[in-house]
C-alpha atoms as a PDB file:
ATOM      1  CA  MET A   1     105.408 177.398  38.543  1.00  0.00           C
ATOM      2  CA  LYS A   2     107.701 180.310  39.880  1.00  0.00           C
ATOM      3  CA  VAL A   3     111.043 181.373  38.525  1.00  0.00           C
ATOM      4  CA  PRO A   4     113.485 182.954  40.672  1.00  0.00           C
ATOM      5  CA  VAL A   5     114.619 186.495  40.371  1.00  0.00           C
ATOM      6  CA  CYS A   6     118.447 187.755  40.481  1.00  0.00           C
ATOM      7  CA  LYS A   7     118.403 189.953  43.818  1.00  0.00           C
ATOM      8  CA  CYS A   8     121.100 192.450  42.043  1.00  0.00           C
ATOM      9  CA  CYS A   9     118.860 193.273  38.538  1.00  0.00           C
ATOM     10  CA  GLY A  10     115.973 191.241  38.744  1.00  0.00           C
ATOM     11  CA  HIS A  11     116.514 189.162  35.558  1.00  0.00           C
ATOM     12  CA  PRO A  12     114.832 185.896  35.593  1.00  0.00           C
ATOM     13  CA  ILE A  13     116.836 182.722  36.497  1.00  0.00           C
ATOM     14  CA  VAL A  14     115.454 179.866  34.288  1.00  0.00           C
ATOM     15  CA  SER A  15     115.753 176.586  34.858  1.00  0.00           C
ATOM     16  CA  ASP A  16     116.615 173.571  32.097  1.00  0.00           C
ATOM     17  CA  GLU A  17     112.872 172.589  32.439  1.00  0.00           C
ATOM     18  CA  ILE A  18     111.894 175.383  30.430  1.00  0.00           C
ATOM     19  CA  GLY A  19     113.885 173.987  27.370  1.00  0.00           C
ATOM     20  CA  ILE A  20     111.930 170.702  27.581  1.00  0.00           C
ATOM     21  CA  VAL A  21     108.666 173.008  26.626  1.00  0.00           C
ATOM     22  CA  LEU A  22     110.191 174.493  23.763  1.00  0.00           C
ATOM     23  CA  THR A  23     110.628 173.784  20.244  1.00  0.00           C
ATOM     24  CA  SER A  24     114.533 173.604  19.095  1.00  0.00           C
ATOM     25  CA  LEU A  25     114.423 176.718  17.114  1.00  0.00           C
ATOM     26  CA  GLN A  26     112.187 178.387  20.376  1.00  0.00           C
ATOM     27  CA  ARG A  27     115.096 176.970  22.503  1.00  0.00           C
ATOM     28  CA  ARG A  28     117.955 178.293  20.232  1.00  0.00           C
ATOM     29  CA  ILE A  29     116.179 181.723  20.069  1.00  0.00           C
ATOM     30  CA  PHE A  30     115.411 181.790  24.296  1.00  0.00           C
ATOM     31  CA  ASN A  31     118.749 180.739  25.049  1.00  0.00           C
ATOM     32  CA  ILE A  32     120.614 183.012  22.875  1.00  0.00           C
ATOM     33  CA  VAL A  33     118.022 185.986  24.570  1.00  0.00           C
ATOM     34  CA  LYS A  34     118.699 184.624  27.955  1.00  0.00           C
ATOM     35  CA  ARG A  35     122.684 184.654  27.376  1.00  0.00           C
ATOM     36  CA  ALA A  36     122.417 188.347  26.377  1.00  0.00           C
ATOM     37  CA  GLY A  37     120.874 189.235  30.118  1.00  0.00           C
ATOM     38  CA  SER A  38     118.961 192.343  30.750  1.00  0.00           C
ATOM     39  CA  ALA A  39     120.983 194.339  28.122  1.00  0.00           C
ATOM     40  CA  GLY A  40     118.791 192.562  25.586  1.00  0.00           C
ATOM     41  CA  ILE A  41     120.027 191.638  22.076  1.00  0.00           C
ATOM     42  CA  SER A  42     118.603 192.848  18.540  1.00  0.00           C
ATOM     43  CA  GLY A  43     116.811 190.735  16.233  1.00  0.00           C
ATOM     44  CA  LYS A  44     119.482 191.111  13.724  1.00  0.00           C
ATOM     45  CA  ASP A  45     122.275 189.538  15.976  1.00  0.00           C
ATOM     46  CA  ILE A  46     119.862 186.546  16.956  1.00  0.00           C
ATOM     47  CA  MET A  47     119.424 185.736  13.284  1.00  0.00           C
ATOM     48  CA  GLY A  48     123.224 186.259  12.703  1.00  0.00           C
ATOM     49  CA  GLU A  49     123.565 183.215  15.524  1.00  0.00           C
ATOM     50  CA  VAL A  50     120.495 181.152  14.403  1.00  0.00           C
ATOM     51  CA  TYR A  51     121.634 181.096  10.998  1.00  0.00           C
ATOM     52  CA  ALA A  52     125.202 181.324  11.099  1.00  0.00           C
ATOM     53  CA  ASN A  53     125.741 177.920   9.691  1.00  0.00           C
ATOM     54  CA  VAL A  54     123.044 178.041   6.443  1.00  0.00           C
ATOM     55  CA  ARG A  55     124.389 178.245   3.381  1.00  0.00           C
ATOM     56  CA  ASP A  56     121.804 180.889   2.176  1.00  0.00           C
ATOM     57  CA  GLY A  57     121.818 182.980   5.341  1.00  0.00           C
ATOM     58  CA  GLY A  58     118.286 181.843   6.208  1.00  0.00           C
ATOM     59  CA  PRO A  59     115.237 184.392   6.325  1.00  0.00           C
ATOM     60  CA  SER A  60     115.425 187.794   4.683  1.00  0.00           C
ATOM     61  CA  SER A  61     113.410 189.504   7.385  1.00  0.00           C
ATOM     62  CA  THR A  62     114.299 189.599  11.168  1.00  0.00           C
ATOM     63  CA  ASN A  63     110.336 189.005  11.847  1.00  0.00           C
ATOM     64  CA  ILE A  64     110.759 185.404  12.184  1.00  0.00           C
ATOM     65  CA  ILE A  65     112.524 186.263  15.371  1.00  0.00           C
ATOM     66  CA  ALA A  66     109.478 188.153  16.533  1.00  0.00           C
ATOM     67  CA  VAL A  67     106.940 185.228  15.218  1.00  0.00           C
ATOM     68  CA  VAL A  68     108.889 182.328  16.922  1.00  0.00           C
ATOM     69  CA  ALA A  69     109.301 184.493  20.525  1.00  0.00           C
ATOM     70  CA  ASN A  70     105.435 184.935  20.141  1.00  0.00           C
ATOM     71  CA  GLN A  71     104.921 181.074  19.555  1.00  0.00           C
ATOM     72  CA  ALA A  72     107.404 180.484  22.633  1.00  0.00           C
ATOM     73  CA  ASN A  73     105.679 182.896  24.344  1.00  0.00           C
ATOM     74  CA  ARG A  74     102.606 180.550  24.679  1.00  0.00           C
ATOM     75  CA  ARG A  75     104.590 177.838  26.403  1.00  0.00           C
ATOM     76  CA  LEU A  76     106.523 179.918  28.558  1.00  0.00           C
ATOM     77  CA  SER A  77     103.710 181.467  30.088  1.00  0.00           C
ATOM     78  CA  GLN A  78     103.324 178.636  32.595  1.00  0.00           C
ATOM     79  CA  PHE A  79     106.987 179.721  33.896  1.00  0.00           C
ATOM     80  CA  ASN A  80     105.569 183.493  34.070  1.00  0.00           C
ATOM     81  CA  LEU A  81     108.469 184.231  31.258  1.00  0.00           C
ATOM     82  CA  LYS A  82     107.900 185.522  28.036  1.00  0.00           C
ATOM     83  CA  ILE A  83     110.795 186.980  25.187  1.00  0.00           C
ATOM     84  CA  GLN A  84     109.788 190.530  25.104  1.00  0.00           C
ATOM     85  CA  GLY A  85     110.714 192.231  21.758  1.00  0.00           C
ATOM     86  CA  LYS A  86     111.330 196.030  21.420  1.00  0.00           C
ATOM     87  CA  ARG A  87     109.903 197.746  18.448  1.00  0.00           C
ATOM     88  CA  GLY A  88     111.633 200.501  16.374  1.00  0.00           C
ATOM     89  CA  PRO A  89     115.087 201.329  15.454  1.00  0.00           C
ATOM     90  CA  GLY A  90     117.300 199.742  18.235  1.00  0.00           C
ATOM     91  CA  GLY A  91     114.693 197.385  19.242  1.00  0.00           C
ATOM     92  CA  MET A  92     116.247 194.436  21.677  1.00  0.00           C
ATOM     93  CA  PHE A  93     114.581 191.072  22.527  1.00  0.00           C
ATOM     94  CA  THR A  94     114.853 190.331  26.506  1.00  0.00           C
ATOM     95  CA  ILE A  95     113.467 187.673  29.011  1.00  0.00           C
ATOM     96  CA  GLU A  96     111.041 189.219  30.953  1.00  0.00           C
ATOM     97  CA  ARG A  97     108.734 188.239  33.806  1.00  0.00           C
ATOM     98  CA  LEU A  98     105.223 188.308  33.422  1.00  0.00           C
ATOM     99  CA  ALA A  99     103.514 190.451  36.219  1.00  0.00           C
ATOM    100  CA  ARG A 100     100.931 187.647  36.956  1.00  0.00           C
ATOM    101  CA  PRO A 101     100.260 184.334  35.567  1.00  0.00           C
ATOM    102  CA  GLU A 102      98.474 184.238  32.618  1.00  0.00           C
ATOM    103  CA  ARG A 103      95.133 181.894  33.111  1.00  0.00           C
ATOM    104  CA  GLN A 104      95.326 178.870  30.333  1.00  0.00           C
ATOM    105  CA  GLN A 105      92.361 178.880  28.161  1.00  0.00           C
ATOM    106  CA  ALA A 106      90.148 175.709  28.506  1.00  0.00           C
ATOM    107  CA  ALA A 107      90.974 173.390  25.474  1.00  0.00           C
END
Protein backbone atom coordinates (compact mmCIF):
# COMPACT_ATOMS: atom_id res chain seq x y z
CA MET A 1 0.00 0.00 0.00
CA LYS A 2 1.49 3.34 -1.04
CA VAL A 3 1.36 6.27 1.39
CA PRO A 4 1.13 9.80 -0.08
CA VAL A 5 3.92 12.26 0.67
CA CYS A 6 3.67 16.00 1.34
CA LYS A 7 4.91 17.90 -1.72
CA CYS A 8 6.47 20.63 0.46
CA CYS A 9 8.45 18.69 3.06
CA GLY A 10 8.41 15.07 1.86
CA HIS A 11 6.91 13.86 5.15
CA PRO A 12 4.57 10.85 4.76
CA ILE A 13 0.86 11.65 5.04
CA VAL A 14 -0.63 8.73 6.92
CA SER A 15 -4.21 7.52 7.05
CA ASP A 16 -6.38 6.04 9.77
CA GLU A 17 -5.96 2.58 8.18
CA ILE A 18 -2.52 2.37 9.77
CA GLY A 19 -3.93 2.65 13.29
CA ILE A 20 -5.92 -0.52 12.81
CA VAL A 21 -2.84 -2.76 12.49
CA LEU A 22 -1.06 -1.36 15.57
CA THR A 23 -1.52 -2.26 19.24
CA SER A 24 -2.80 0.53 21.49
CA LEU A 25 0.70 1.40 22.79
CA GLN A 26 2.18 1.26 19.28
CA ARG A 27 -0.64 3.50 18.03
CA ARG A 28 -0.06 6.05 20.82
CA ILE A 29 3.65 6.24 20.09
CA PHE A 30 3.04 6.36 16.32
CA ASN A 31 0.59 9.25 16.71
CA ILE A 32 2.95 11.18 18.99
CA VAL A 33 5.80 10.79 16.51
CA LYS A 34 3.51 11.62 13.58
CA ARG A 35 2.35 14.79 15.34
CA ALA A 36 5.99 15.85 15.83
CA GLY A 37 6.44 15.91 12.06
CA SER A 38 9.78 16.01 10.30
CA ALA A 39 11.43 17.74 13.29
CA GLY A 40 10.99 14.56 15.32
CA ILE A 41 10.60 14.02 19.05
CA SER A 42 12.93 12.65 21.71
CA GLY A 43 12.35 9.36 23.49
CA LYS A 44 12.16 11.27 26.77
CA ASP A 45 9.37 13.49 25.43
CA ILE A 46 7.50 10.45 24.08
CA MET A 47 7.80 8.81 27.51
CA GLY A 48 6.43 11.97 29.12
CA GLU A 49 3.31 11.85 26.96
CA VAL A 50 2.73 8.09 27.01
CA TYR A 51 3.19 7.69 30.76
CA ALA A 52 1.89 11.08 31.94
CA ASN A 53 -1.06 9.51 33.78
CA VAL A 54 0.82 6.56 35.27
CA ARG A 55 1.29 6.94 39.01
CA ASP A 56 4.88 5.63 39.10
CA GLY A 57 5.84 7.41 35.87
CA GLY A 58 6.19 4.23 33.81
CA PRO A 59 9.43 2.48 32.85
CA SER A 60 12.71 4.03 33.97
CA SER A 61 14.44 3.64 30.60
CA THR A 62 13.51 5.26 27.29
CA ASN A 63 14.69 2.04 25.61
CA ILE A 64 11.07 0.83 25.78
CA ILE A 65 10.20 3.38 23.09
CA ALA A 66 12.78 1.87 20.72
CA VAL A 67 11.49 -1.64 21.47
CA VAL A 68 7.85 -0.72 20.82
CA ALA A 69 8.84 1.21 17.67
CA ASN A 70 10.72 -1.84 16.39
CA GLN A 71 7.67 -4.05 16.97
CA ALA A 72 5.42 -1.47 15.28
CA ASN A 73 7.77 -1.29 12.30
CA ARG A 74 7.03 -4.92 11.45
CA ARG A 75 3.39 -3.94 11.04
CA LEU A 76 4.10 -0.58 9.40
CA SER A 77 6.25 -2.14 6.67
CA GLN A 78 3.11 -3.04 4.70
CA PHE A 79 2.52 0.72 4.37
CA ASN A 80 6.19 1.38 3.45
CA LEU A 81 6.63 3.33 6.70
CA LYS A 82 8.75 3.00 9.82
CA ILE A 83 9.36 4.82 13.06
CA GLN A 84 13.00 5.80 12.77
CA GLY A 85 15.03 6.47 15.88
CA LYS A 86 18.33 8.32 15.74
CA ARG A 87 20.83 7.19 18.36
CA GLY A 88 23.04 9.29 20.54
CA PRO A 89 22.64 12.59 22.35
CA GLY A 90 19.72 14.52 20.96
CA GLY A 91 18.43 11.48 19.10
CA MET A 92 14.94 11.95 17.73
CA PHE A 93 12.16 9.68 16.50
CA THR A 94 10.53 10.44 13.15
CA ILE A 95 8.25 8.65 10.72
CA GLU A 96 10.13 7.72 7.58
CA ARG A 97 9.10 6.23 4.29
CA LEU A 98 10.91 3.01 3.42
CA ALA A 99 13.18 3.32 0.41
CA ARG A 100 11.48 0.33 -1.18
CA PRO A 101 8.81 -2.10 -0.03
CA GLU A 102 10.08 -4.81 2.26
CA ARG A 103 9.19 -8.31 1.21
CA GLN A 104 7.00 -10.28 3.52
CA GLN A 105 8.58 -13.54 4.63
CA ALA A 106 6.50 -16.66 4.21
CA ALA A 107 5.16 -17.91 7.51
